[in-house]
Structure formats: C-alpha cells, structure tokens
Amino acid sequence: MAAAPDLQMEDVNVCRDMEKELEEEKKMTEDGEDKDPFKNKKVHRIVSKWMLPENARRTYMERANCLPPPVFIISVSLAELAVFIYYAVWKPQKQWITLDTGILESPFTYNPKKREEAWRFISYMLVHAGVQHILGNLIMQLVLGIPLEMVHKGFRVGLVYLAGVIAGSLASSIFDPLKYLVGASGGVYALMGGYFMNVLVNFREMIPAFGIVRLLIIILIIASDMGFALYRRFFVPANGSSPVSFAAHIAGGFAGMSIGYTVFSCFDKTLLKDPRFWIAIAAYLACVIFAVFFNIFLSPAN
C-alpha cells in the first residue's frame, strides 16, 4: 500500500529537478546575454551538446563566447581552396577528378625525391587531387572543425590538426615511400579521430540516441572517403607519374585518437597538467624520431 505514495513522491521530485534545471538554464542564458551581446547561447548550447559530455557543458556555457572566432579552421580552409583554384586555373585540366601534372610539380606537394625540402611534410595539406578530394576535406573540417574550435579554441584544434598532417606525411614516407602525397586528410582524420574517441568514451553522457547517429555518420564519412582514396590510388591512371599515397588517412586518425582525444577531453582542465597528454606527446615524438631516422638511413627513396 505504501508503494503508490512513494512513486508519487519520486515523480514530484523528478519534476522539481527538471523545473530547477530549466530555471537555471534560463537564468544563465539571460545573464550571459546581458553581459555579452556577442554571445549566442542557443548556438553554444547546440554546440555543447554535440561536442562535450554533460559534466562539462555548464562550464562551457558560463564562459562561451565567439572571441576569438574560429580563425584557424577558416584560414586553413581558405588557403587550401586558394591553392586548388590556382592550380586548376594555372594548369587547365581535361577532367577535374584528378589534377595530376600540376600538383605533382608543385613546391607544396610531398615528393619522395625531394624529402630534404622539409616544409613539404606540412605544406602538402594545401594541395588536393581533385574536386571530390577538396570538397570532402573542406566540408568535413568546416562542419566538425568550427564547432571544435568554438569549444576548444584555435591553439588546441591547430595542435591536433597539424599533428595529424605531420603524422600523415611521415607515415606515408615509411609505408608508401615512393609515392607522392597531397591533401589535408591527415589533419581532417585527426579531428575526426579525436572527436570519435571523445564520443565513444563519453557515450552515455553525450545523448545516446545522438551518440549512435554521430558514430554512424563518422563511420560512413570515413568509409566513403577511404573508398575514394583507394580508388584514386589504385584505379585512376597516373599518367606516367607515381600515384598519390593514402597512408595519411590512417596515420592522421591514429594521431587524433591519441593526441586529439587527450586534448578534446581536457576542456575544463589544464592540458599541461594532464599526464595523458604527456604520454600521448611522448609516444608521438618517438614515432616522429623513428620516421626521421628511417627517412635518413633506411628509406627506399634514398
């Protein structure tokens, strides 16, 4: 007989908790709008639900702002688009699926015969092998990179992105040592890898239904992009030149799942005080040192 009153009391408590949360959220929104007219709390609330576990959202909402704006991802995207347009116009192509001749002669492209030009290990991210290639990378890094940069700011996102780019070129120099390399896929996959691990580890806190959708979307994008990369690598004629490597996709993903995860999971913590960050950095530097040693002494491209 006492079960019914107990159940009623539990329902009342749940309703009170929900009302209290709504009141706090409304008050926080009103206070934020009064203090900072640049804050769009609705946008930040959506971003926080997609990018952060529940226990970090309140902290983000309390200090959320668009200053500085997501400059890094936008600047990189504009640079990549400008380089693509330059090569497409400077070297007119019969088909825009691949831009073989122009990009392989570019001083930005990673060329296994010119590995002494160290900037190529990073600058290759500015050059793309065709319309599908650049559109896929731009869409993914803007859709995922801008919200990530709104939450984690440009330094952290840039760290993860460039870690993926460098990992991609070094991995390509080891596992595909005679192949050229172009595209920002290493950086894009690093962002996806870091976000993927964050969703996976905090699955229950990041809205389970949306969590499943997010994981499925990431897997679908990776599968389609890898499929196109493999097609371009093995089935598109190279016109007498070396085909483009795809090892950067895999290496960038691993960089994201290690460094990216530790960076993106430390939203409300000091990154330099997290031992996971230093473990990831140490492992990454060990791989970099090995890759440099391989390129100097062991590479078939020598």
C-alpha atoms as a PDB file:
ATOM      1  CA  MET A   1       0.000   0.000   0.000  1.00  0.00           C
ATOM      2  CA  ALA A   2       2.949   2.373   0.553  1.00  0.00           C
ATOM      3  CA  ALA A   3       4.269   1.917  -2.980  1.00  0.00           C
ATOM      4  CA  ALA A   4       1.858   4.393  -4.572  1.00  0.00           C
ATOM      5  CA  PRO A   5       2.753   7.371  -2.316  1.00  0.00           C
ATOM      6  CA  ASP A   6       6.471   6.620  -2.767  1.00  0.00           C
ATOM      7  CA  LEU A   7       6.082   6.576  -6.535  1.00  0.00           C
ATOM      8  CA  GLN A   8       4.157   9.821  -6.434  1.00  0.00           C
ATOM      9  CA  MET A   9       6.856  11.469  -4.333  1.00  0.00           C
ATOM     10  CA  GLU A  10       9.552  10.307  -6.806  1.00  0.00           C
ATOM     11  CA  ASP A  11       7.588  11.799  -9.723  1.00  0.00           C
ATOM     12  CA  VAL A  12       7.221  15.093  -7.864  1.00  0.00           C
ATOM     13  CA  ASN A  13      10.982  15.190  -7.137  1.00  0.00           C
ATOM     14  CA  VAL A  14      11.817  14.488 -10.800  1.00  0.00           C
ATOM     15  CA  CYS A  15       9.514  17.284 -11.942  1.00  0.00           C
ATOM     16  CA  ARG A  16      11.067  19.675  -9.440  1.00  0.00           C
ATOM     17  CA  ASP A  17      14.570  18.787 -10.614  1.00  0.00           C
ATOM     18  CA  MET A  18      13.587  19.366 -14.243  1.00  0.00           C
ATOM     19  CA  GLU A  19      11.977  22.711 -13.411  1.00  0.00           C
ATOM     20  CA  LYS A  20      15.052  23.737 -11.438  1.00  0.00           C
ATOM     21  CA  GLU A  21      17.363  22.858 -14.345  1.00  0.00           C
ATOM     22  CA  LEU A  22      15.197  24.821 -16.782  1.00  0.00           C
ATOM     23  CA  GLU A  23      15.170  27.842 -14.474  1.00  0.00           C
ATOM     24  CA  GLU A  24      18.963  27.714 -14.061  1.00  0.00           C
ATOM     25  CA  GLU A  25      19.467  27.382 -17.810  1.00  0.00           C
ATOM     26  CA  LYS A  26      17.111  30.313 -18.473  1.00  0.00           C
ATOM     27  CA  LYS A  27      18.834  32.459 -15.861  1.00  0.00           C
ATOM     28  CA  MET A  28      22.269  31.565 -17.234  1.00  0.00           C
ATOM     29  CA  THR A  29      21.137  32.468 -20.732  1.00  0.00           C
ATOM     30  CA  GLU A  30      19.679  35.808 -19.636  1.00  0.00           C
ATOM     31  CA  ASP A  31      22.779  36.689 -17.596  1.00  0.00           C
ATOM     32  CA  GLY A  32      25.072  35.786 -20.478  1.00  0.00           C
ATOM     33  CA  GLU A  33      23.105  37.871 -22.974  1.00  0.00           C
ATOM     34  CA  ASP A  34      23.124  40.872 -20.620  1.00  0.00           C
ATOM     35  CA  LYS A  35      26.862  40.675 -20.060  1.00  0.00           C
ATOM     36  CA  ASP A  36      27.975  39.906 -23.586  1.00  0.00           C
ATOM     37  CA  PRO A  37      25.831  40.846 -26.619  1.00  0.00           C
ATOM     38  CA  PHE A  38      28.130  38.756 -28.846  1.00  0.00           C
ATOM     39  CA  LYS A  39      27.086  35.526 -27.147  1.00  0.00           C
ATOM     40  CA  ASN A  40      24.500  33.454 -28.945  1.00  0.00           C
ATOM     41  CA  LYS A  41      23.564  30.992 -26.240  1.00  0.00           C
ATOM     42  CA  LYS A  42      21.311  28.956 -28.479  1.00  0.00           C
ATOM     43  CA  VAL A  43      24.171  28.209 -30.860  1.00  0.00           C
ATOM     44  CA  HIS A  44      26.564  27.487 -27.996  1.00  0.00           C
ATOM     45  CA  ARG A  45      24.009  25.175 -26.351  1.00  0.00           C
ATOM     46  CA  ILE A  46      23.708  23.122 -29.538  1.00  0.00           C
ATOM     47  CA  VAL A  47      27.489  23.043 -29.935  1.00  0.00           C
ATOM     48  CA  SER A  48      27.988  21.938 -26.334  1.00  0.00           C
ATOM     49  CA  LYS A  49      25.559  19.032 -26.734  1.00  0.00           C
ATOM     50  CA  TRP A  50      27.421  17.784 -29.792  1.00  0.00           C
ATOM     51  CA  MET A  51      30.971  18.423 -28.629  1.00  0.00           C
ATOM     52  CA  LEU A  52      31.058  17.933 -24.854  1.00  0.00           C
ATOM     53  CA  PRO A  53      29.970  15.392 -22.241  1.00  0.00           C
ATOM     54  CA  GLU A  54      27.247  16.543 -19.878  1.00  0.00           C
ATOM     55  CA  ASN A  55      29.549  17.310 -16.944  1.00  0.00           C
ATOM     56  CA  ALA A  56      31.491  19.911 -18.983  1.00  0.00           C
ATOM     57  CA  ARG A  57      28.576  21.720 -20.647  1.00  0.00           C
ATOM     58  CA  ARG A  58      27.751  24.074 -17.804  1.00  0.00           C
ATOM     59  CA  THR A  59      31.348  25.277 -17.573  1.00  0.00           C
ATOM     60  CA  TYR A  60      31.370  25.866 -21.320  1.00  0.00           C
ATOM     61  CA  MET A  61      28.063  27.768 -21.247  1.00  0.00           C
ATOM     62  CA  GLU A  62      29.290  30.015 -18.441  1.00  0.00           C
ATOM     63  CA  ARG A  63      32.311  31.189 -20.425  1.00  0.00           C
ATOM     64  CA  ALA A  64      31.141  30.590 -24.004  1.00  0.00           C
ATOM     65  CA  ASN A  65      31.889  33.330 -26.498  1.00  0.00           C
ATOM     66  CA  CYS A  66      32.926  33.762 -30.109  1.00  0.00           C
ATOM     67  CA  LEU A  67      36.057  35.715 -29.252  1.00  0.00           C
ATOM     68  CA  PRO A  68      38.376  34.751 -30.745  1.00  0.00           C
ATOM     69  CA  PRO A  69      36.334  33.352 -33.652  1.00  0.00           C
ATOM     70  CA  PRO A  70      37.328  30.014 -35.255  1.00  0.00           C
ATOM     71  CA  VAL A  71      40.119  31.628 -37.263  1.00  0.00           C
ATOM     72  CA  PHE A  72      42.382  28.594 -37.632  1.00  0.00           C
ATOM     73  CA  ILE A  73      39.988  26.260 -39.448  1.00  0.00           C
ATOM     74  CA  ILE A  74      38.600  29.037 -41.639  1.00  0.00           C
ATOM     75  CA  SER A  75      42.089  30.288 -42.568  1.00  0.00           C
ATOM     76  CA  VAL A  76      43.360  26.803 -43.423  1.00  0.00           C
ATOM     77  CA  SER A  77      40.258  26.091 -45.488  1.00  0.00           C
ATOM     78  CA  LEU A  78      40.617  29.346 -47.450  1.00  0.00           C
ATOM     79  CA  ALA A  79      44.314  28.632 -48.083  1.00  0.00           C
ATOM     80  CA  GLU A  80      43.542  25.129 -49.364  1.00  0.00           C
ATOM     81  CA  LEU A  81      40.778  26.439 -51.606  1.00  0.00           C
ATOM     82  CA  ALA A  82      43.020  29.209 -52.985  1.00  0.00           C
ATOM     83  CA  VAL A  83      45.826  26.753 -53.825  1.00  0.00           C
ATOM     84  CA  PHE A  84      43.361  24.398 -55.520  1.00  0.00           C
ATOM     85  CA  ILE A  85      41.901  27.195 -57.654  1.00  0.00           C
ATOM     86  CA  TYR A  86      45.393  28.402 -58.539  1.00  0.00           C
ATOM     87  CA  TYR A  87      46.486  25.031 -59.865  1.00  0.00           C
ATOM     88  CA  ALA A  88      43.165  24.357 -61.584  1.00  0.00           C
ATOM     89  CA  VAL A  89      43.413  27.671 -63.487  1.00  0.00           C
ATOM     90  CA  TRP A  90      47.197  27.710 -63.998  1.00  0.00           C
ATOM     91  CA  LYS A  91      47.202  24.164 -65.364  1.00  0.00           C
ATOM     92  CA  PRO A  92      43.800  23.620 -67.059  1.00  0.00           C
ATOM     93  CA  GLN A  93      42.644  20.020 -66.730  1.00  0.00           C
ATOM     94  CA  LYS A  94      40.699  17.796 -69.110  1.00  0.00           C
ATOM     95  CA  GLN A  95      38.950  16.366 -66.071  1.00  0.00           C
ATOM     96  CA  TRP A  96      38.697  17.764 -62.544  1.00  0.00           C
ATOM     97  CA  ILE A  97      38.590  14.371 -60.867  1.00  0.00           C
ATOM     98  CA  THR A  98      42.375  14.441 -60.560  1.00  0.00           C
ATOM     99  CA  LEU A  99      44.871  17.248 -61.148  1.00  0.00           C
ATOM    100  CA  ASP A 100      47.920  15.105 -61.781  1.00  0.00           C
ATOM    101  CA  THR A 101      50.534  17.114 -63.670  1.00  0.00           C
ATOM    102  CA  GLY A 102      50.183  20.491 -61.977  1.00  0.00           C
ATOM    103  CA  ILE A 103      50.077  19.307 -58.386  1.00  0.00           C
ATOM    104  CA  LEU A 104      52.906  16.801 -58.720  1.00  0.00           C
ATOM    105  CA  GLU A 105      55.195  19.623 -59.831  1.00  0.00           C
ATOM    106  CA  SER A 106      54.055  21.884 -57.011  1.00  0.00           C
ATOM    107  CA  PRO A 107      56.608  23.009 -54.396  1.00  0.00           C
ATOM    108  CA  PHE A 108      53.933  22.231 -51.771  1.00  0.00           C
ATOM    109  CA  THR A 109      53.382  18.573 -52.689  1.00  0.00           C
ATOM    110  CA  TYR A 110      55.187  15.892 -50.692  1.00  0.00           C
ATOM    111  CA  ASN A 111      57.632  14.437 -53.199  1.00  0.00           C
ATOM    112  CA  PRO A 112      59.669  11.383 -52.107  1.00  0.00           C
ATOM    113  CA  LYS A 113      62.545  12.574 -54.293  1.00  0.00           C
ATOM    114  CA  LYS A 114      62.690  15.941 -52.559  1.00  0.00           C
ATOM    115  CA  ARG A 115      62.367  14.976 -48.911  1.00  0.00           C
ATOM    116  CA  GLU A 116      65.236  17.291 -47.973  1.00  0.00           C
ATOM    117  CA  GLU A 117      62.751  20.141 -48.528  1.00  0.00           C
ATOM    118  CA  ALA A 118      61.289  19.645 -45.070  1.00  0.00           C
ATOM    119  CA  TRP A 119      58.381  22.061 -45.500  1.00  0.00           C
ATOM    120  CA  ARG A 120      56.748  19.558 -47.860  1.00  0.00           C
ATOM    121  CA  PHE A 121      55.956  17.319 -44.862  1.00  0.00           C
ATOM    122  CA  ILE A 122      53.410  20.007 -43.844  1.00  0.00           C
ATOM    123  CA  SER A 123      52.650  22.035 -46.983  1.00  0.00           C
ATOM    124  CA  TYR A 124      51.213  19.028 -48.832  1.00  0.00           C
ATOM    125  CA  MET A 125      47.975  19.648 -46.939  1.00  0.00           C
ATOM    126  CA  LEU A 126      47.358  22.729 -49.125  1.00  0.00           C
ATOM    127  CA  VAL A 127      47.238  20.747 -52.389  1.00  0.00           C
ATOM    128  CA  HIS A 128      44.359  18.474 -53.430  1.00  0.00           C
ATOM    129  CA  ALA A 129      43.962  15.875 -56.146  1.00  0.00           C
ATOM    130  CA  GLY A 130      40.570  16.934 -57.473  1.00  0.00           C
ATOM    131  CA  VAL A 131      37.150  18.424 -56.804  1.00  0.00           C
ATOM    132  CA  GLN A 132      35.858  15.469 -54.794  1.00  0.00           C
ATOM    133  CA  HIS A 133      39.056  15.434 -52.770  1.00  0.00           C
ATOM    134  CA  ILE A 134      38.976  19.078 -51.719  1.00  0.00           C
ATOM    135  CA  LEU A 135      35.206  19.255 -51.258  1.00  0.00           C
ATOM    136  CA  GLY A 136      35.237  16.253 -48.951  1.00  0.00           C
ATOM    137  CA  ASN A 137      38.040  17.674 -46.833  1.00  0.00           C
ATOM    138  CA  LEU A 138      36.653  21.216 -46.716  1.00  0.00           C
ATOM    139  CA  ILE A 139      33.131  20.137 -45.784  1.00  0.00           C
ATOM    140  CA  MET A 140      34.335  17.802 -43.062  1.00  0.00           C
ATOM    141  CA  GLN A 141      36.865  20.159 -41.497  1.00  0.00           C
ATOM    142  CA  LEU A 142      34.418  23.080 -41.529  1.00  0.00           C
ATOM    143  CA  VAL A 143      31.437  21.112 -40.198  1.00  0.00           C
ATOM    144  CA  LEU A 144      33.484  19.456 -37.460  1.00  0.00           C
ATOM    145  CA  GLY A 145      36.379  21.886 -37.052  1.00  0.00           C
ATOM    146  CA  ILE A 146      34.406  25.090 -36.452  1.00  0.00           C
ATOM    147  CA  PRO A 147      32.355  23.679 -33.521  1.00  0.00           C
ATOM    148  CA  LEU A 148      35.503  22.096 -32.096  1.00  0.00           C
ATOM    149  CA  GLU A 149      37.318  25.416 -32.326  1.00  0.00           C
ATOM    150  CA  MET A 150      34.380  27.240 -30.720  1.00  0.00           C
ATOM    151  CA  VAL A 151      34.725  24.905 -27.737  1.00  0.00           C
ATOM    152  CA  HIS A 152      38.478  24.261 -27.536  1.00  0.00           C
ATOM    153  CA  LYS A 153      39.808  27.393 -29.326  1.00  0.00           C
ATOM    154  CA  GLY A 154      42.312  27.612 -32.140  1.00  0.00           C
ATOM    155  CA  PHE A 155      45.502  26.544 -30.369  1.00  0.00           C
ATOM    156  CA  ARG A 156      44.207  23.121 -29.345  1.00  0.00           C
ATOM    157  CA  VAL A 157      42.432  22.439 -32.628  1.00  0.00           C
ATOM    158  CA  GLY A 158      45.505  23.590 -34.556  1.00  0.00           C
ATOM    159  CA  LEU A 159      47.717  21.311 -32.447  1.00  0.00           C
ATOM    160  CA  VAL A 160      45.578  18.267 -33.260  1.00  0.00           C
ATOM    161  CA  TYR A 161      45.190  19.190 -36.929  1.00  0.00           C
ATOM    162  CA  LEU A 162      48.911  19.733 -37.543  1.00  0.00           C
ATOM    163  CA  ALA A 163      49.787  16.613 -35.534  1.00  0.00           C
ATOM    164  CA  GLY A 164      47.628  14.658 -37.989  1.00  0.00           C
ATOM    165  CA  VAL A 165      49.206  16.383 -41.002  1.00  0.00           C
ATOM    166  CA  ILE A 166      52.771  15.611 -39.860  1.00  0.00           C
ATOM    167  CA  ALA A 167      51.854  12.058 -38.853  1.00  0.00           C
ATOM    168  CA  GLY A 168      50.316  11.561 -42.292  1.00  0.00           C
ATOM    169  CA  SER A 169      53.381  12.594 -44.265  1.00  0.00           C
ATOM    170  CA  LEU A 170      55.798  10.678 -42.042  1.00  0.00           C
ATOM    171  CA  ALA A 171      53.666   7.529 -42.202  1.00  0.00           C
ATOM    172  CA  SER A 172      53.455   7.846 -45.973  1.00  0.00           C
ATOM    173  CA  SER A 173      57.239   8.180 -46.179  1.00  0.00           C
ATOM    174  CA  ILE A 174      57.564   4.853 -44.320  1.00  0.00           C
ATOM    175  CA  PHE A 175      54.695   2.700 -45.616  1.00  0.00           C
ATOM    176  CA  ASP A 176      54.423   4.204 -49.105  1.00  0.00           C
ATOM    177  CA  PRO A 177      57.956   5.570 -49.540  1.00  0.00           C
ATOM    178  CA  LEU A 178      57.912   6.031 -53.328  1.00  0.00           C
ATOM    179  CA  LYS A 179      54.525   7.746 -53.572  1.00  0.00           C
ATOM    180  CA  TYR A 180      53.561  11.396 -53.697  1.00  0.00           C
ATOM    181  CA  LEU A 181      51.224  12.824 -51.064  1.00  0.00           C
ATOM    182  CA  VAL A 182      48.655  15.627 -51.269  1.00  0.00           C
ATOM    183  CA  GLY A 183      45.576  16.665 -49.327  1.00  0.00           C
ATOM    184  CA  ALA A 184      44.535  17.673 -45.816  1.00  0.00           C
ATOM    185  CA  SER A 185      43.124  14.248 -44.970  1.00  0.00           C
ATOM    186  CA  GLY A 186      45.717  13.702 -42.234  1.00  0.00           C
ATOM    187  CA  GLY A 187      44.510  16.791 -40.369  1.00  0.00           C
ATOM    188  CA  VAL A 188      40.828  16.082 -41.037  1.00  0.00           C
ATOM    189  CA  TYR A 189      41.158  12.490 -39.839  1.00  0.00           C
ATOM    190  CA  ALA A 190      42.941  13.715 -36.708  1.00  0.00           C
ATOM    191  CA  LEU A 191      39.927  15.897 -35.864  1.00  0.00           C
ATOM    192  CA  MET A 192      37.559  13.009 -36.585  1.00  0.00           C
ATOM    193  CA  GLY A 193      39.683  10.574 -34.575  1.00  0.00           C
ATOM    194  CA  GLY A 194      39.784  12.844 -31.532  1.00  0.00           C
ATOM    195  CA  TYR A 195      36.062  13.540 -31.708  1.00  0.00           C
ATOM    196  CA  PHE A 196      35.263   9.858 -32.332  1.00  0.00           C
ATOM    197  CA  MET A 197      37.167   8.770 -29.221  1.00  0.00           C
ATOM    198  CA  ASN A 198      35.549  11.503 -27.145  1.00  0.00           C
ATOM    199  CA  VAL A 199      32.061  10.372 -28.191  1.00  0.00           C
ATOM    200  CA  LEU A 200      32.955   6.720 -27.646  1.00  0.00           C
ATOM    201  CA  VAL A 201      34.383   7.217 -24.150  1.00  0.00           C
ATOM    202  CA  ASN A 202      31.597   9.599 -23.049  1.00  0.00           C
ATOM    203  CA  PHE A 203      28.858   7.805 -24.965  1.00  0.00           C
ATOM    204  CA  ARG A 204      26.242   7.759 -22.194  1.00  0.00           C
ATOM    205  CA  GLU A 205      26.764  11.425 -21.352  1.00  0.00           C
ATOM    206  CA  MET A 206      26.589  12.709 -24.938  1.00  0.00           C
ATOM    207  CA  ILE A 207      22.909  11.823 -25.551  1.00  0.00           C
ATOM    208  CA  PRO A 208      22.867   8.120 -26.511  1.00  0.00           C
ATOM    209  CA  ALA A 209      20.484   8.460 -29.453  1.00  0.00           C
ATOM    210  CA  PHE A 210      22.535  11.254 -30.970  1.00  0.00           C
ATOM    211  CA  GLY A 211      25.696   9.411 -29.955  1.00  0.00           C
ATOM    212  CA  ILE A 212      24.764   6.483 -32.173  1.00  0.00           C
ATOM    213  CA  VAL A 213      23.935   8.849 -35.041  1.00  0.00           C
ATOM    214  CA  ARG A 214      27.257  10.633 -34.602  1.00  0.00           C
ATOM    215  CA  LEU A 215      29.247   7.428 -34.636  1.00  0.00           C
ATOM    216  CA  LEU A 216      27.387   6.177 -37.708  1.00  0.00           C
ATOM    217  CA  ILE A 217      27.954   9.481 -39.542  1.00  0.00           C
ATOM    218  CA  ILE A 218      31.691   9.415 -38.770  1.00  0.00           C
ATOM    219  CA  ILE A 219      31.992   5.776 -39.867  1.00  0.00           C
ATOM    220  CA  LEU A 220      30.061   6.496 -43.086  1.00  0.00           C
ATOM    221  CA  ILE A 221      32.254   9.503 -43.921  1.00  0.00           C
ATOM    222  CA  ILE A 222      35.455   7.574 -43.215  1.00  0.00           C
ATOM    223  CA  ALA A 223      34.298   4.594 -45.296  1.00  0.00           C
ATOM    224  CA  SER A 224      33.304   6.737 -48.290  1.00  0.00           C
ATOM    225  CA  ASP A 225      36.461   8.871 -48.132  1.00  0.00           C
ATOM    226  CA  MET A 226      38.734   5.851 -47.781  1.00  0.00           C
ATOM    227  CA  GLY A 227      36.907   4.196 -50.673  1.00  0.00           C
ATOM    228  CA  PHE A 228      37.540   7.199 -52.887  1.00  0.00           C
ATOM    229  CA  ALA A 229      41.178   7.380 -51.746  1.00  0.00           C
ATOM    230  CA  LEU A 230      41.712   3.715 -52.591  1.00  0.00           C
ATOM    231  CA  TYR A 231      40.009   4.194 -55.966  1.00  0.00           C
ATOM    232  CA  ARG A 232      42.213   7.191 -56.734  1.00  0.00           C
ATOM    233  CA  ARG A 233      45.302   5.291 -55.561  1.00  0.00           C
ATOM    234  CA  PHE A 234      44.823   2.018 -57.439  1.00  0.00           C
ATOM    235  CA  PHE A 235      42.384   2.615 -60.317  1.00  0.00           C
ATOM    236  CA  VAL A 236      42.900   6.179 -61.604  1.00  0.00           C
ATOM    237  CA  PRO A 237      45.692   6.229 -64.251  1.00  0.00           C
ATOM    238  CA  ALA A 238      48.808   8.017 -63.011  1.00  0.00           C
ATOM    239  CA  ASN A 239      49.752   9.331 -66.487  1.00  0.00           C
ATOM    240  CA  GLY A 240      53.310   8.131 -66.153  1.00  0.00           C
ATOM    241  CA  SER A 241      53.856   9.571 -62.701  1.00  0.00           C
ATOM    242  CA  SER A 242      53.697   7.985 -59.267  1.00  0.00           C
ATOM    243  CA  PRO A 243      50.157   7.665 -57.843  1.00  0.00           C
ATOM    244  CA  VAL A 244      49.199   9.515 -54.688  1.00  0.00           C
ATOM    245  CA  SER A 245      49.547   7.794 -51.310  1.00  0.00           C
ATOM    246  CA  PHE A 246      46.648   7.308 -48.880  1.00  0.00           C
ATOM    247  CA  ALA A 247      48.625   6.348 -45.742  1.00  0.00           C
ATOM    248  CA  ALA A 248      47.977   9.817 -44.260  1.00  0.00           C
ATOM    249  CA  HIS A 249      44.330   8.926 -43.642  1.00  0.00           C
ATOM    250  CA  ILE A 250      45.222   6.099 -41.265  1.00  0.00           C
ATOM    251  CA  ALA A 251      48.097   7.902 -39.536  1.00  0.00           C
ATOM    252  CA  GLY A 252      46.019  11.058 -39.056  1.00  0.00           C
ATOM    253  CA  GLY A 253      43.238   9.006 -37.487  1.00  0.00           C
ATOM    254  CA  PHE A 254      45.643   7.408 -35.013  1.00  0.00           C
ATOM    255  CA  ALA A 255      47.117  10.815 -34.149  1.00  0.00           C
ATOM    256  CA  GLY A 256      43.605  12.065 -33.472  1.00  0.00           C
ATOM    257  CA  MET A 257      42.671   9.068 -31.341  1.00  0.00           C
ATOM    258  CA  SER A 258      45.725   9.667 -29.133  1.00  0.00           C
ATOM    259  CA  ILE A 259      46.685  13.353 -29.012  1.00  0.00           C
ATOM    260  CA  GLY A 260      43.270  14.536 -30.238  1.00  0.00           C
ATOM    261  CA  TYR A 261      41.382  12.591 -27.608  1.00  0.00           C
ATOM    262  CA  THR A 262      43.523  13.851 -24.731  1.00  0.00           C
ATOM    263  CA  VAL A 263      43.251  17.446 -25.974  1.00  0.00           C
ATOM    264  CA  PHE A 264      39.490  17.376 -26.579  1.00  0.00           C
ATOM    265  CA  SER A 265      38.751  15.586 -23.297  1.00  0.00           C
ATOM    266  CA  CYS A 266      40.563  18.253 -21.252  1.00  0.00           C
ATOM    267  CA  PHE A 267      38.098  21.054 -21.935  1.00  0.00           C
ATOM    268  CA  ASP A 268      37.763  22.257 -18.351  1.00  0.00           C
ATOM    269  CA  LYS A 269      41.249  21.167 -17.266  1.00  0.00           C
ATOM    270  CA  THR A 270      44.774  22.472 -17.724  1.00  0.00           C
ATOM    271  CA  LEU A 271      46.172  20.489 -20.617  1.00  0.00           C
ATOM    272  CA  LEU A 272      49.788  20.622 -19.436  1.00  0.00           C
ATOM    273  CA  LYS A 273      48.836  19.102 -16.072  1.00  0.00           C
ATOM    274  CA  ASP A 274      47.156  16.046 -17.599  1.00  0.00           C
ATOM    275  CA  PRO A 275      49.570  13.048 -17.624  1.00  0.00           C
ATOM    276  CA  ARG A 276      47.646  11.508 -20.554  1.00  0.00           C
ATOM    277  CA  PHE A 277      48.683  14.444 -22.722  1.00  0.00           C
ATOM    278  CA  TRP A 278      52.381  13.961 -21.994  1.00  0.00           C
ATOM    279  CA  ILE A 279      52.127  10.203 -22.579  1.00  0.00           C
ATOM    280  CA  ALA A 280      50.492  10.861 -25.960  1.00  0.00           C
ATOM    281  CA  ILE A 281      53.097  13.508 -26.831  1.00  0.00           C
ATOM    282  CA  ALA A 282      55.961  11.193 -25.838  1.00  0.00           C
ATOM    283  CA  ALA A 283      54.565   8.365 -27.983  1.00  0.00           C
ATOM    284  CA  TYR A 284      54.040  10.764 -30.880  1.00  0.00           C
ATOM    285  CA  LEU A 285      57.585  12.173 -30.647  1.00  0.00           C
ATOM    286  CA  ALA A 286      59.004   8.644 -30.511  1.00  0.00           C
ATOM    287  CA  CYS A 287      57.208   7.838 -33.771  1.00  0.00           C
ATOM    288  CA  VAL A 288      58.450  11.100 -35.320  1.00  0.00           C
ATOM    289  CA  ILE A 289      62.058  10.357 -34.344  1.00  0.00           C
ATOM    290  CA  PHE A 290      61.807   6.856 -35.794  1.00  0.00           C
ATOM    291  CA  ALA A 291      60.325   8.242 -39.040  1.00  0.00           C
ATOM    292  CA  VAL A 292      63.127  10.799 -39.356  1.00  0.00           C
ATOM    293  CA  PHE A 293      65.739   8.094 -38.762  1.00  0.00           C
ATOM    294  CA  PHE A 294      64.039   5.860 -41.355  1.00  0.00           C
ATOM    295  CA  ASN A 295      63.984   8.634 -43.947  1.00  0.00           C
ATOM    296  CA  ILE A 296      67.657   9.468 -43.455  1.00  0.00           C
ATOM    297  CA  PHE A 297      69.132   5.963 -43.352  1.00  0.00           C
ATOM    298  CA  LEU A 298      66.639   3.288 -44.452  1.00  0.00           C
ATOM    299  CA  SER A 299      64.160   4.693 -46.945  1.00  0.00           C
ATOM    300  CA  PRO A 300      63.998   3.007 -50.402  1.00  0.00           C
ATOM    301  CA  ALA A 301      63.532   6.508 -51.796  1.00  0.00           C
ATOM    302  CA  ASN A 302      67.188   7.230 -50.999  1.00  0.00           C
END
